[in-house]
Every structure is written in structure tokens, then in C-alpha cells.
Protein backbone atom coordinates (compact mmCIF):
# COMPACT_ATOMS: atom_id res chain seq x y z
CA MET A 1 148.82 37.52 64.89
CA VAL A 2 145.90 38.11 62.52
CA GLU A 3 146.38 37.64 58.80
CA THR A 4 144.12 39.20 56.24
CA LEU A 5 142.89 36.99 53.44
CA ARG A 6 143.40 38.36 49.98
CA SER A 7 140.62 38.05 47.49
CA LYS A 8 141.36 36.47 44.15
CA PRO A 9 142.39 38.84 41.36
CA ALA A 10 139.70 39.59 38.80
CA SER A 11 141.47 37.39 36.25
CA CYS A 12 141.04 34.34 38.51
CA THR A 13 137.30 34.58 39.16
CA SER A 14 136.14 32.32 36.33
CA PRO A 15 136.75 28.57 36.60
CA VAL A 16 139.47 26.86 34.61
CA ARG A 17 137.95 24.98 31.67
CA VAL A 18 139.18 21.37 31.46
CA ALA A 19 138.94 18.68 28.77
CA LEU A 20 139.28 15.01 29.73
CA ILE A 21 140.42 12.11 27.60
CA GLY A 22 138.83 8.88 28.75
CA TYR A 23 135.95 8.13 31.08
CA GLY A 24 136.83 4.77 32.51
CA TYR A 25 137.32 4.10 36.21
CA TRP A 26 139.79 6.94 36.79
CA GLY A 27 138.30 9.34 34.26
CA SER A 28 134.98 9.30 36.10
CA LYS A 29 136.76 9.88 39.43
CA VAL A 30 138.77 12.81 38.03
CA HIS A 31 135.60 14.28 36.50
CA ALA A 32 133.76 14.09 39.84
CA ALA A 33 136.67 15.69 41.71
CA LEU A 34 136.99 18.53 39.20
CA GLU A 35 133.25 19.20 39.18
CA ALA A 36 133.22 19.32 42.99
CA HIS A 37 135.90 22.03 43.00
CA PRO A 38 134.66 25.58 42.34
CA ASP A 39 137.82 26.59 40.42
CA PHE A 40 137.35 24.00 37.64
CA THR A 41 134.70 23.03 35.11
CA VAL A 42 134.88 20.12 32.68
CA THR A 43 133.74 21.28 29.24
CA HIS A 44 134.84 18.49 26.87
CA LEU A 45 135.31 14.73 27.06
CA HIS A 46 136.92 12.44 24.51
CA VAL A 47 135.92 8.78 24.57
CA ARG A 48 136.60 6.24 21.86
CA HIS A 49 132.95 5.08 21.69
CA PRO A 50 130.57 7.75 23.04
CA GLU A 51 127.55 5.64 22.06
CA GLU A 52 128.59 3.12 24.73
CA LEU A 53 128.17 5.57 27.62
CA THR A 54 125.40 4.51 29.99
CA ALA A 55 122.41 6.65 30.98
CA VAL A 56 124.02 7.21 34.39
CA GLN A 57 127.23 8.42 32.75
CA HIS A 58 125.27 10.74 30.44
CA ALA A 59 123.49 12.18 33.48
CA ALA A 60 126.84 12.87 35.17
CA LEU A 61 128.08 14.55 31.99
CA ARG A 62 125.04 16.81 31.55
CA ASP A 63 126.98 19.99 30.63
CA VAL A 64 129.99 18.32 28.97
CA GLU A 65 130.48 18.08 25.21
CA VAL A 66 131.29 14.42 24.47
CA SER A 67 133.06 13.41 21.26
CA SER A 68 135.09 10.61 19.75
CA SER A 69 137.66 13.11 18.49
CA ALA A 70 140.37 14.55 20.73
CA GLU A 71 140.88 17.54 18.42
């Protein structure tokens, strides 16, 4: 039996925008997994001390708005 694949509805074509709170061990893993998936994009990140992020972390967060406020 052959099944036809349905295309996504027009309302589902843009990725889901996600904000993360925390960028420790698991936060960085969740960020990488979400960025690797075409249906999600991380747009905001809350960390307590953004000035303590390393250059490598800043490079991974190139398109993400980082702030110390979760609001």
C-alpha cells in the first residue's frame, strides 16, 4: 500500500521561536538540538551573568539575543 505524504499547512511553515533560560551543561545541549531541527529557532537566552559567557559560547549564540532578564 502506498501512502501519500501531506505537506505542512501554510501556518506551520515558519519555525517555532524558542527562548531558553540557562546555558549551563544542559542548556547548551538543548540549544544545539533545537538549532539542528528545522522546525525550531532559538531567539532569546536568559543567563544570570551574560558577561561570563566564553567566546565559544558567543559564537554558538550568534543569532540569539542574550540578556540577564527573563522578562
